[in-house]
Amino acid sequence: MELVIETASAACSVALIEGVSLIDERHEVVGRGHAERLLPLVEDLLGGRKPDSILVDLGPGSFTGVRVGLAAAQGLRIGWGVPLHGYSSTSILAVQAGREAAIAIAGGHGQLFVQSFAHEPFAPLDHLRSLPPDEAAAVIRAELILGSGAAALVAARGSGEARDALPRAADARFLPEALKSLPPRPIYGRAPDAKPMP
């Protein structure tokens, strides 16, 4: 039994999964306030059960949300003595599509985090990039775009189907093993704004 923690977007979402089976889930769109909602949701979900492992969204997405989820997952890992792995926001969004799609997540400075995915078999077609909408429009070919930045990308490109979607912890059960066994470190998707002192 695996606990999945999802806080990288406006959603605060947790699930208990066993392979491709969903045992239970809690999913709320909170915008902000993940730090206050996450552990009560986990406690309610578990109902006294202890998972065998933990899976957490590593980003890209909300800087604070990613850090809240990862910190909670690390604390629970230590307390329970169970393995911890991660997955990316782009992969869990893309697995919702059911066909070839690209992900566009609104990032900082008006840029979009973008990545394309094949459906059969499900796998990334390119690397995660942070690009202005016009540059993203020039490189993303998929007809279907999912994510908080989908409308901006489709508008910049002038074609395609935009689907505003948020990650859902329960969807982690559909990810291939290689995409849900990442080291538990944040995926920021772009270089930090702060520059080291010379």
N, C-alpha and C. Protein backbone atom coordinates (compact mmCIF):
# COMPACT_ATOMS: atom_id res chain seq x y z
N MET A 1 0.85 -1.19 0.00
CA MET A 1 0.00 0.00 0.00
C MET A 1 0.89 1.24 0.00
N GLU A 2 0.60 2.15 -0.93
CA GLU A 2 1.45 3.33 -1.10
C GLU A 2 0.65 4.60 -0.88
N LEU A 3 1.22 5.54 -0.12
CA LEU A 3 0.62 6.85 0.08
C LEU A 3 1.18 7.80 -0.98
N VAL A 4 0.29 8.47 -1.70
CA VAL A 4 0.69 9.45 -2.71
C VAL A 4 0.33 10.84 -2.20
N ILE A 5 1.28 11.77 -2.30
CA ILE A 5 1.10 13.14 -1.84
C ILE A 5 1.26 14.08 -3.03
N GLU A 6 0.27 14.94 -3.24
CA GLU A 6 0.25 15.86 -4.39
C GLU A 6 -0.06 17.27 -3.91
N THR A 7 0.96 18.16 -3.94
CA THR A 7 0.75 19.54 -3.48
C THR A 7 1.43 20.56 -4.40
N ALA A 8 1.80 20.17 -5.60
CA ALA A 8 2.59 21.05 -6.47
C ALA A 8 1.76 22.09 -7.21
N SER A 9 0.43 22.01 -7.08
CA SER A 9 -0.45 22.94 -7.78
C SER A 9 -1.47 23.50 -6.81
N ALA A 10 -2.56 24.03 -7.32
CA ALA A 10 -3.64 24.52 -6.46
C ALA A 10 -4.36 23.39 -5.75
N ALA A 11 -4.14 22.15 -6.18
CA ALA A 11 -4.78 21.00 -5.55
C ALA A 11 -3.95 20.51 -4.36
N CYS A 12 -4.66 20.07 -3.34
CA CYS A 12 -4.04 19.35 -2.22
C CYS A 12 -4.69 17.98 -2.27
N SER A 13 -3.92 16.98 -2.66
CA SER A 13 -4.49 15.70 -3.04
C SER A 13 -3.65 14.57 -2.46
N VAL A 14 -4.30 13.59 -1.86
CA VAL A 14 -3.60 12.42 -1.32
C VAL A 14 -4.39 11.18 -1.71
N ALA A 15 -3.68 10.08 -1.85
CA ALA A 15 -4.34 8.82 -2.23
C ALA A 15 -3.59 7.65 -1.64
N LEU A 16 -4.33 6.57 -1.44
CA LEU A 16 -3.74 5.27 -1.09
C LEU A 16 -3.95 4.37 -2.29
N ILE A 17 -2.85 3.82 -2.81
CA ILE A 17 -2.94 2.96 -3.98
C ILE A 17 -2.23 1.64 -3.71
N GLU A 18 -2.62 0.64 -4.48
CA GLU A 18 -1.98 -0.68 -4.43
C GLU A 18 -1.85 -1.12 -5.87
N GLY A 19 -0.65 -0.97 -6.45
CA GLY A 19 -0.49 -1.24 -7.87
C GLY A 19 -1.33 -0.26 -8.67
N VAL A 20 -2.24 -0.78 -9.54
CA VAL A 20 -3.11 0.11 -10.30
C VAL A 20 -4.48 0.27 -9.63
N SER A 21 -4.63 -0.25 -8.42
CA SER A 21 -5.90 -0.15 -7.70
C SER A 21 -5.89 1.06 -6.77
N LEU A 22 -7.00 1.78 -6.76
CA LEU A 22 -7.18 2.90 -5.85
C LEU A 22 -7.91 2.41 -4.60
N ILE A 23 -7.28 2.56 -3.44
CA ILE A 23 -7.91 2.17 -2.17
C ILE A 23 -8.81 3.29 -1.68
N ASP A 24 -8.27 4.53 -1.69
CA ASP A 24 -9.05 5.68 -1.22
C ASP A 24 -8.29 6.94 -1.61
N GLU A 25 -8.99 8.08 -1.62
CA GLU A 25 -8.34 9.35 -1.94
C GLU A 25 -9.06 10.50 -1.27
N ARG A 26 -8.35 11.61 -1.14
CA ARG A 26 -8.91 12.89 -0.73
C ARG A 26 -8.33 13.92 -1.70
N HIS A 27 -9.19 14.78 -2.25
CA HIS A 27 -8.73 15.75 -3.25
C HIS A 27 -9.48 17.06 -3.03
N GLU A 28 -8.73 18.12 -2.75
CA GLU A 28 -9.32 19.44 -2.56
C GLU A 28 -8.55 20.46 -3.38
N VAL A 29 -9.24 21.41 -3.98
CA VAL A 29 -8.59 22.54 -4.63
C VAL A 29 -8.53 23.65 -3.60
N VAL A 30 -7.33 23.92 -3.10
CA VAL A 30 -7.17 24.87 -1.99
C VAL A 30 -6.51 26.18 -2.42
N GLY A 31 -5.89 26.19 -3.61
CA GLY A 31 -5.15 27.38 -4.03
C GLY A 31 -3.88 27.52 -3.21
N ARG A 32 -4.01 28.12 -2.04
CA ARG A 32 -2.92 28.20 -1.07
C ARG A 32 -3.35 27.47 0.20
N GLY A 33 -2.43 27.29 1.12
CA GLY A 33 -2.80 26.67 2.38
C GLY A 33 -2.53 25.18 2.44
N HIS A 34 -1.63 24.69 1.57
CA HIS A 34 -1.29 23.26 1.59
C HIS A 34 -0.71 22.83 2.94
N ALA A 35 0.09 23.71 3.55
CA ALA A 35 0.74 23.35 4.82
C ALA A 35 -0.31 23.07 5.90
N GLU A 36 -1.42 23.79 5.87
CA GLU A 36 -2.47 23.59 6.87
C GLU A 36 -3.35 22.38 6.55
N ARG A 37 -3.56 22.08 5.28
CA ARG A 37 -4.51 21.03 4.90
C ARG A 37 -3.89 19.65 4.73
N LEU A 38 -2.61 19.59 4.37
CA LEU A 38 -2.03 18.31 3.95
C LEU A 38 -2.09 17.23 5.03
N LEU A 39 -1.51 17.48 6.19
CA LEU A 39 -1.45 16.43 7.21
C LEU A 39 -2.82 16.02 7.74
N PRO A 40 -3.78 16.95 7.93
CA PRO A 40 -5.13 16.49 8.27
C PRO A 40 -5.75 15.59 7.19
N LEU A 41 -5.49 15.90 5.93
CA LEU A 41 -6.00 15.04 4.85
C LEU A 41 -5.37 13.66 4.91
N VAL A 42 -4.05 13.62 5.14
CA VAL A 42 -3.35 12.33 5.24
C VAL A 42 -3.90 11.52 6.40
N GLU A 43 -4.08 12.17 7.55
CA GLU A 43 -4.59 11.46 8.73
C GLU A 43 -5.99 10.90 8.47
N ASP A 44 -6.84 11.71 7.84
CA ASP A 44 -8.20 11.27 7.53
C ASP A 44 -8.19 10.11 6.53
N LEU A 45 -7.32 10.21 5.55
CA LEU A 45 -7.22 9.16 4.53
C LEU A 45 -6.76 7.84 5.13
N LEU A 46 -5.73 7.90 5.96
CA LEU A 46 -5.13 6.67 6.48
C LEU A 46 -6.02 5.97 7.50
N GLY A 47 -6.71 6.74 8.35
CA GLY A 47 -7.57 6.12 9.34
C GLY A 47 -6.85 5.09 10.19
N GLY A 48 -5.59 5.38 10.55
CA GLY A 48 -4.81 4.47 11.39
C GLY A 48 -3.96 3.47 10.63
N ARG A 49 -4.14 3.39 9.30
CA ARG A 49 -3.32 2.47 8.51
C ARG A 49 -1.93 3.06 8.29
N LYS A 50 -0.94 2.20 8.08
CA LYS A 50 0.42 2.64 7.79
C LYS A 50 0.81 2.14 6.40
N PRO A 51 1.17 3.06 5.50
CA PRO A 51 1.56 2.62 4.15
C PRO A 51 2.94 1.96 4.15
N ASP A 52 3.20 1.20 3.09
CA ASP A 52 4.50 0.53 2.93
C ASP A 52 5.52 1.44 2.25
N SER A 53 5.03 2.48 1.56
CA SER A 53 5.93 3.40 0.86
C SER A 53 5.18 4.71 0.62
N ILE A 54 5.95 5.74 0.21
CA ILE A 54 5.39 7.07 -0.05
C ILE A 54 5.86 7.54 -1.41
N LEU A 55 4.96 8.21 -2.12
CA LEU A 55 5.25 8.77 -3.44
C LEU A 55 4.81 10.23 -3.41
N VAL A 56 5.67 11.15 -3.88
CA VAL A 56 5.35 12.58 -3.78
C VAL A 56 5.67 13.29 -5.09
N ASP A 57 4.84 14.33 -5.39
CA ASP A 57 5.08 15.16 -6.57
C ASP A 57 6.28 16.07 -6.30
N LEU A 58 7.25 16.04 -7.21
CA LEU A 58 8.49 16.80 -7.06
C LEU A 58 8.47 18.12 -7.81
N GLY A 59 7.41 18.39 -8.57
CA GLY A 59 7.33 19.59 -9.38
C GLY A 59 7.54 19.27 -10.84
N PRO A 60 7.61 20.29 -11.67
CA PRO A 60 7.57 21.72 -11.35
C PRO A 60 6.16 22.16 -10.96
N GLY A 61 6.11 23.35 -10.38
CA GLY A 61 4.83 23.90 -9.96
C GLY A 61 5.07 24.99 -8.94
N SER A 62 4.15 25.10 -8.00
CA SER A 62 4.27 26.08 -6.94
C SER A 62 5.50 25.75 -6.08
N PHE A 63 6.41 26.72 -5.94
CA PHE A 63 7.62 26.49 -5.15
C PHE A 63 7.24 26.06 -3.73
N THR A 64 6.32 26.81 -3.11
CA THR A 64 5.93 26.49 -1.74
C THR A 64 5.23 25.14 -1.67
N GLY A 65 4.32 24.88 -2.62
CA GLY A 65 3.59 23.62 -2.62
C GLY A 65 4.51 22.42 -2.75
N VAL A 66 5.48 22.50 -3.64
CA VAL A 66 6.44 21.41 -3.82
C VAL A 66 7.21 21.17 -2.52
N ARG A 67 7.66 22.26 -1.88
CA ARG A 67 8.44 22.12 -0.64
C ARG A 67 7.58 21.56 0.51
N VAL A 68 6.33 21.97 0.60
CA VAL A 68 5.43 21.46 1.63
C VAL A 68 5.25 19.95 1.47
N GLY A 69 4.95 19.52 0.27
CA GLY A 69 4.73 18.09 0.02
C GLY A 69 5.97 17.26 0.28
N LEU A 70 7.10 17.75 -0.18
CA LEU A 70 8.35 17.00 -0.01
C LEU A 70 8.77 16.95 1.47
N ALA A 71 8.61 18.07 2.18
CA ALA A 71 8.97 18.08 3.61
C ALA A 71 8.09 17.12 4.41
N ALA A 72 6.79 17.15 4.12
CA ALA A 72 5.87 16.23 4.81
C ALA A 72 6.21 14.79 4.50
N ALA A 73 6.48 14.51 3.23
CA ALA A 73 6.81 13.14 2.82
C ALA A 73 8.10 12.66 3.49
N GLN A 74 9.10 13.55 3.59
CA GLN A 74 10.35 13.18 4.25
C GLN A 74 10.13 12.89 5.73
N GLY A 75 9.32 13.73 6.38
CA GLY A 75 9.04 13.51 7.80
C GLY A 75 8.30 12.20 8.04
N LEU A 76 7.31 11.91 7.21
CA LEU A 76 6.57 10.66 7.34
C LEU A 76 7.46 9.45 7.04
N ARG A 77 8.32 9.60 6.06
CA ARG A 77 9.27 8.52 5.71
C ARG A 77 10.13 8.16 6.92
N ILE A 78 10.67 9.19 7.57
CA ILE A 78 11.53 8.96 8.74
C ILE A 78 10.72 8.32 9.87
N GLY A 79 9.53 8.86 10.12
CA GLY A 79 8.70 8.35 11.21
C GLY A 79 8.26 6.90 11.00
N TRP A 80 7.92 6.56 9.78
CA TRP A 80 7.43 5.21 9.47
C TRP A 80 8.54 4.24 9.06
N GLY A 81 9.70 4.78 8.66
CA GLY A 81 10.78 3.92 8.18
C GLY A 81 10.43 3.22 6.88
N VAL A 82 9.82 3.98 5.94
CA VAL A 82 9.41 3.39 4.66
C VAL A 82 10.12 4.10 3.50
N PRO A 83 10.20 3.47 2.33
CA PRO A 83 10.85 4.12 1.17
C PRO A 83 10.04 5.32 0.67
N LEU A 84 10.75 6.27 0.08
CA LEU A 84 10.14 7.47 -0.50
C LEU A 84 10.68 7.67 -1.91
N HIS A 85 9.78 7.85 -2.86
CA HIS A 85 10.14 8.16 -4.24
C HIS A 85 9.27 9.31 -4.74
N GLY A 86 9.60 9.80 -5.93
CA GLY A 86 8.84 10.92 -6.48
C GLY A 86 8.46 10.72 -7.93
N TYR A 87 7.63 11.65 -8.40
CA TYR A 87 7.21 11.71 -9.80
C TYR A 87 7.11 13.18 -10.17
N SER A 88 6.98 13.48 -11.44
CA SER A 88 6.90 14.87 -11.89
C SER A 88 5.46 15.29 -12.11
N SER A 89 5.21 16.58 -11.95
CA SER A 89 3.88 17.14 -12.21
C SER A 89 3.47 16.91 -13.66
N THR A 90 4.43 17.01 -14.57
CA THR A 90 4.08 16.87 -15.98
C THR A 90 3.61 15.45 -16.30
N SER A 91 4.26 14.46 -15.71
CA SER A 91 3.87 13.08 -16.02
C SER A 91 2.50 12.74 -15.46
N ILE A 92 2.19 13.19 -14.25
CA ILE A 92 0.89 12.84 -13.67
C ILE A 92 -0.25 13.58 -14.36
N LEU A 93 0.03 14.75 -14.91
CA LEU A 93 -0.98 15.44 -15.72
C LEU A 93 -1.17 14.73 -17.05
N ALA A 94 -0.08 14.34 -17.68
CA ALA A 94 -0.16 13.72 -19.01
C ALA A 94 -0.87 12.39 -18.98
N VAL A 95 -0.76 11.65 -17.88
CA VAL A 95 -1.39 10.34 -17.82
C VAL A 95 -2.92 10.45 -17.82
N GLN A 96 -3.45 11.65 -17.52
CA GLN A 96 -4.90 11.89 -17.58
C GLN A 96 -5.42 11.93 -19.02
N ALA A 97 -4.53 12.23 -19.96
CA ALA A 97 -4.97 12.56 -21.32
C ALA A 97 -5.59 11.39 -22.07
N GLY A 98 -5.02 10.21 -21.91
CA GLY A 98 -5.51 9.05 -22.65
C GLY A 98 -5.06 9.02 -24.10
N ARG A 99 -4.24 9.96 -24.49
CA ARG A 99 -3.67 10.01 -25.85
C ARG A 99 -2.43 10.90 -25.81
N GLU A 100 -1.74 10.99 -26.94
CA GLU A 100 -0.55 11.85 -26.98
C GLU A 100 -0.96 13.28 -26.61
N ALA A 101 -0.16 13.89 -25.76
CA ALA A 101 -0.51 15.23 -25.27
C ALA A 101 0.75 15.94 -24.83
N ALA A 102 0.61 17.23 -24.62
CA ALA A 102 1.69 18.03 -24.03
C ALA A 102 1.16 18.70 -22.78
N ILE A 103 2.06 18.99 -21.88
CA ILE A 103 1.72 19.67 -20.63
C ILE A 103 2.28 21.08 -20.68
N ALA A 104 1.48 22.04 -20.21
CA ALA A 104 1.93 23.42 -20.06
C ALA A 104 1.47 23.91 -18.69
N ILE A 105 2.43 24.16 -17.82
CA ILE A 105 2.16 24.62 -16.46
C ILE A 105 2.66 26.05 -16.33
N ALA A 106 1.81 26.94 -15.85
CA ALA A 106 2.22 28.33 -15.67
C ALA A 106 3.38 28.40 -14.69
N GLY A 107 4.45 29.06 -15.10
CA GLY A 107 5.64 29.21 -14.26
C GLY A 107 5.91 30.67 -13.97
N GLY A 108 7.07 30.94 -13.44
CA GLY A 108 7.43 32.32 -13.11
C GLY A 108 7.80 33.14 -14.31
N HIS A 109 7.70 34.46 -14.16
CA HIS A 109 8.12 35.42 -15.18
C HIS A 109 7.39 35.22 -16.51
N GLY A 110 6.14 34.79 -16.45
CA GLY A 110 5.34 34.62 -17.65
C GLY A 110 5.71 33.43 -18.50
N GLN A 111 6.58 32.57 -17.99
CA GLN A 111 6.99 31.40 -18.76
C GLN A 111 6.11 30.20 -18.47
N LEU A 112 6.23 29.18 -19.33
CA LEU A 112 5.48 27.94 -19.18
C LEU A 112 6.45 26.78 -19.04
N PHE A 113 6.17 25.88 -18.11
CA PHE A 113 6.89 24.60 -18.06
C PHE A 113 6.18 23.69 -19.06
N VAL A 114 6.92 23.19 -20.04
CA VAL A 114 6.30 22.38 -21.09
C VAL A 114 7.04 21.06 -21.28
N GLN A 115 6.27 20.02 -21.61
CA GLN A 115 6.83 18.71 -21.91
C GLN A 115 5.77 17.91 -22.66
N SER A 116 6.22 17.11 -23.64
CA SER A 116 5.31 16.29 -24.46
C SER A 116 5.43 14.83 -24.07
N PHE A 117 4.31 14.10 -24.21
CA PHE A 117 4.26 12.69 -23.83
C PHE A 117 3.56 11.85 -24.89
N ALA A 118 4.12 10.67 -25.16
CA ALA A 118 3.46 9.67 -25.99
C ALA A 118 2.49 8.89 -25.12
N HIS A 119 1.51 8.24 -25.76
CA HIS A 119 0.52 7.48 -25.00
C HIS A 119 0.78 5.98 -25.01
N GLU A 120 1.16 5.42 -26.14
CA GLU A 120 1.35 3.96 -26.25
C GLU A 120 2.75 3.65 -26.77
N PRO A 121 3.71 3.32 -25.91
CA PRO A 121 3.60 3.32 -24.45
C PRO A 121 3.71 4.73 -23.88
N PHE A 122 3.22 4.90 -22.67
CA PHE A 122 3.27 6.21 -22.04
C PHE A 122 4.72 6.54 -21.68
N ALA A 123 5.22 7.65 -22.22
CA ALA A 123 6.62 8.04 -21.99
C ALA A 123 6.82 9.47 -22.45
N PRO A 124 7.76 10.19 -21.83
CA PRO A 124 8.07 11.55 -22.30
C PRO A 124 8.70 11.51 -23.68
N LEU A 125 8.35 12.49 -24.50
CA LEU A 125 8.92 12.61 -25.84
C LEU A 125 10.05 13.63 -25.89
N ASP A 126 10.16 14.47 -24.87
CA ASP A 126 11.21 15.48 -24.82
C ASP A 126 11.49 15.80 -23.36
N HIS A 127 12.41 16.72 -23.14
CA HIS A 127 12.78 17.11 -21.77
C HIS A 127 11.92 18.28 -21.31
N LEU A 128 11.77 18.42 -20.03
CA LEU A 128 11.08 19.56 -19.43
C LEU A 128 11.83 20.85 -19.79
N ARG A 129 11.05 21.85 -20.23
CA ARG A 129 11.64 23.15 -20.55
C ARG A 129 10.78 24.26 -19.96
N SER A 130 11.41 25.39 -19.65
CA SER A 130 10.70 26.59 -19.23
C SER A 130 10.87 27.63 -20.32
N LEU A 131 9.76 28.00 -20.98
CA LEU A 131 9.82 28.85 -22.16
C LEU A 131 8.71 29.90 -22.14
N PRO A 132 8.94 31.05 -22.76
CA PRO A 132 7.83 31.99 -22.97
C PRO A 132 6.78 31.34 -23.88
N PRO A 133 5.52 31.73 -23.78
CA PRO A 133 4.47 31.09 -24.57
C PRO A 133 4.75 31.02 -26.07
N ASP A 134 5.32 32.10 -26.66
CA ASP A 134 5.57 32.08 -28.10
C ASP A 134 6.64 31.05 -28.48
N GLU A 135 7.66 30.90 -27.63
CA GLU A 135 8.68 29.88 -27.91
C GLU A 135 8.14 28.48 -27.68
N ALA A 136 7.31 28.33 -26.64
CA ALA A 136 6.68 27.02 -26.39
C ALA A 136 5.79 26.65 -27.57
N ALA A 137 5.06 27.62 -28.10
CA ALA A 137 4.16 27.37 -29.24
C ALA A 137 4.92 26.88 -30.46
N ALA A 138 6.17 27.31 -30.59
CA ALA A 138 6.97 26.93 -31.76
C ALA A 138 7.50 25.50 -31.67
N VAL A 139 7.57 24.94 -30.46
CA VAL A 139 8.18 23.61 -30.31
C VAL A 139 7.21 22.52 -29.89
N ILE A 140 6.06 22.89 -29.33
CA ILE A 140 5.09 21.88 -28.87
C ILE A 140 4.13 21.57 -30.02
N ARG A 141 4.07 20.31 -30.42
CA ARG A 141 3.29 19.90 -31.58
C ARG A 141 1.96 19.23 -31.24
N ALA A 142 1.82 18.69 -30.03
CA ALA A 142 0.62 17.92 -29.69
C ALA A 142 -0.63 18.78 -29.84
N GLU A 143 -1.70 18.16 -30.29
CA GLU A 143 -2.98 18.85 -30.43
C GLU A 143 -3.58 19.18 -29.06
N LEU A 144 -3.51 18.21 -28.12
CA LEU A 144 -4.08 18.38 -26.79
C LEU A 144 -3.03 18.89 -25.82
N ILE A 145 -3.36 19.99 -25.14
CA ILE A 145 -2.46 20.58 -24.14
C ILE A 145 -3.21 20.60 -22.81
N LEU A 146 -2.58 20.07 -21.76
CA LEU A 146 -3.18 20.05 -20.42
C LEU A 146 -2.36 20.89 -19.47
N GLY A 147 -3.02 21.47 -18.46
CA GLY A 147 -2.32 22.17 -17.41
C GLY A 147 -2.76 23.61 -17.27
N SER A 148 -2.25 24.26 -16.24
CA SER A 148 -2.64 25.63 -15.94
C SER A 148 -2.19 26.63 -17.00
N GLY A 149 -1.22 26.25 -17.83
CA GLY A 149 -0.75 27.12 -18.90
C GLY A 149 -1.24 26.71 -20.27
N ALA A 150 -2.17 25.75 -20.33
CA ALA A 150 -2.63 25.22 -21.62
C ALA A 150 -3.27 26.30 -22.49
N ALA A 151 -4.14 27.12 -21.90
CA ALA A 151 -4.82 28.15 -22.68
C ALA A 151 -3.83 29.15 -23.27
N ALA A 152 -2.81 29.52 -22.48
CA ALA A 152 -1.81 30.48 -22.97
C ALA A 152 -1.02 29.90 -24.13
N LEU A 153 -0.68 28.61 -24.07
CA LEU A 153 0.08 28.00 -25.15
C LEU A 153 -0.77 27.89 -26.41
N VAL A 154 -2.02 27.44 -26.26
CA VAL A 154 -2.90 27.30 -27.42
C VAL A 154 -3.17 28.67 -28.05
N ALA A 155 -3.33 29.70 -27.22
CA ALA A 155 -3.54 31.05 -27.75
C ALA A 155 -2.32 31.53 -28.52
N ALA A 156 -1.13 31.26 -28.00
CA ALA A 156 0.10 31.68 -28.68
C ALA A 156 0.28 30.92 -29.99
N ARG A 157 -0.16 29.68 -30.04
CA ARG A 157 0.00 28.86 -31.23
C ARG A 157 -1.12 29.08 -32.24
N GLY A 158 -2.27 29.46 -31.73
CA GLY A 158 -3.41 29.69 -32.62
C GLY A 158 -4.17 28.43 -33.00
N SER A 159 -3.85 27.31 -32.34
CA SER A 159 -4.56 26.06 -32.65
C SER A 159 -4.37 25.09 -31.50
N GLY A 160 -5.24 24.08 -31.46
CA GLY A 160 -5.12 23.05 -30.45
C GLY A 160 -6.26 23.07 -29.46
N GLU A 161 -6.26 22.07 -28.59
CA GLU A 161 -7.28 21.94 -27.55
C GLU A 161 -6.62 22.15 -26.20
N ALA A 162 -7.08 23.14 -25.47
CA ALA A 162 -6.55 23.43 -24.13
C ALA A 162 -7.46 22.82 -23.08
N ARG A 163 -6.86 22.11 -22.14
CA ARG A 163 -7.62 21.53 -21.03
C ARG A 163 -6.96 21.96 -19.73
N ASP A 164 -7.65 22.83 -18.98
CA ASP A 164 -7.13 23.30 -17.70
C ASP A 164 -7.27 22.15 -16.71
N ALA A 165 -6.16 21.57 -16.30
CA ALA A 165 -6.20 20.38 -15.44
C ALA A 165 -5.23 20.54 -14.28
N LEU A 166 -5.58 19.93 -13.16
CA LEU A 166 -4.72 19.89 -11.99
C LEU A 166 -4.31 18.45 -11.72
N PRO A 167 -3.11 18.25 -11.18
CA PRO A 167 -2.71 16.88 -10.83
C PRO A 167 -3.62 16.28 -9.76
N ARG A 168 -3.81 14.98 -9.85
CA ARG A 168 -4.61 14.23 -8.86
C ARG A 168 -3.77 13.07 -8.36
N ALA A 169 -3.59 12.98 -7.04
CA ALA A 169 -2.72 11.95 -6.47
C ALA A 169 -3.10 10.55 -6.94
N ALA A 170 -4.40 10.27 -7.06
CA ALA A 170 -4.86 8.93 -7.43
C ALA A 170 -4.34 8.49 -8.79
N ASP A 171 -4.04 9.45 -9.67
CA ASP A 171 -3.57 9.10 -11.02
C ASP A 171 -2.15 8.54 -11.03
N ALA A 172 -1.44 8.66 -9.93
CA ALA A 172 -0.07 8.11 -9.86
C ALA A 172 -0.06 6.61 -10.10
N ARG A 173 -1.19 5.94 -9.85
CA ARG A 173 -1.24 4.48 -10.05
C ARG A 173 -1.11 4.08 -11.51
N PHE A 174 -1.31 5.03 -12.42
CA PHE A 174 -1.21 4.74 -13.84
C PHE A 174 0.18 5.03 -14.42
N LEU A 175 1.06 5.60 -13.61
CA LEU A 175 2.40 5.94 -14.10
C LEU A 175 3.26 4.68 -14.21
N PRO A 176 4.06 4.56 -15.28
CA PRO A 176 5.01 3.45 -15.33
C PRO A 176 6.05 3.57 -14.22
N GLU A 177 6.63 2.46 -13.85
CA GLU A 177 7.56 2.42 -12.71
C GLU A 177 8.69 3.43 -12.85
N ALA A 178 9.24 3.58 -14.05
CA ALA A 178 10.37 4.49 -14.25
C ALA A 178 10.01 5.94 -13.95
N LEU A 179 8.73 6.30 -14.10
CA LEU A 179 8.31 7.68 -13.89
C LEU A 179 7.80 7.93 -12.48
N LYS A 180 7.74 6.88 -11.63
CA LYS A 180 7.35 7.08 -10.24
C LYS A 180 8.39 6.53 -9.28
N SER A 181 9.62 6.53 -9.73
CA SER A 181 10.71 6.09 -8.86
C SER A 181 11.87 7.09 -8.91
N LEU A 182 11.53 8.37 -9.05
CA LEU A 182 12.55 9.42 -9.11
C LEU A 182 13.09 9.71 -7.71
N PRO A 183 14.36 10.13 -7.61
CA PRO A 183 14.91 10.51 -6.30
C PRO A 183 14.09 11.66 -5.71
N PRO A 184 13.85 11.67 -4.40
CA PRO A 184 12.99 12.69 -3.79
C PRO A 184 13.69 14.05 -3.64
N ARG A 185 13.88 14.70 -4.78
CA ARG A 185 14.46 16.05 -4.82
C ARG A 185 13.57 16.93 -5.68
N PRO A 186 13.43 18.22 -5.35
CA PRO A 186 12.53 19.09 -6.11
C PRO A 186 12.95 19.22 -7.58
N ILE A 187 11.96 19.30 -8.45
CA ILE A 187 12.18 19.61 -9.87
C ILE A 187 11.66 21.03 -10.06
N TYR A 188 12.58 21.99 -10.12
CA TYR A 188 12.15 23.38 -10.22
C TYR A 188 11.86 23.80 -11.66
N GLY A 189 12.52 23.17 -12.63
CA GLY A 189 12.21 23.45 -14.02
C GLY A 189 12.89 24.66 -14.62
N ARG A 190 13.50 25.49 -13.79
CA ARG A 190 14.23 26.66 -14.30
C ARG A 190 15.27 27.06 -13.27
N ALA A 191 16.25 27.81 -13.71
CA ALA A 191 17.32 28.26 -12.82
C ALA A 191 16.76 29.25 -11.80
N PRO A 192 17.36 29.33 -10.61
CA PRO A 192 16.88 30.27 -9.60
C PRO A 192 17.10 31.71 -10.05
N ASP A 193 16.22 32.62 -9.56
CA ASP A 193 16.36 34.04 -9.90
C ASP A 193 17.56 34.67 -9.21
N ALA A 194 17.85 34.22 -8.00
CA ALA A 194 18.97 34.79 -7.25
C ALA A 194 20.30 34.35 -7.87
N LYS A 195 21.20 35.26 -7.98
CA LYS A 195 22.54 34.96 -8.52
C LYS A 195 23.55 35.04 -7.41
N PRO A 196 24.57 34.15 -7.41
CA PRO A 196 25.60 34.21 -6.38
C PRO A 196 26.40 35.51 -6.46
N MET A 197 26.86 35.96 -5.31
CA MET A 197 27.69 37.18 -5.26
C MET A 197 29.03 36.90 -5.92
N PRO A 198 29.56 37.85 -6.71
CA PRO A 198 30.88 37.63 -7.35
C PRO A 198 32.01 37.62 -6.33
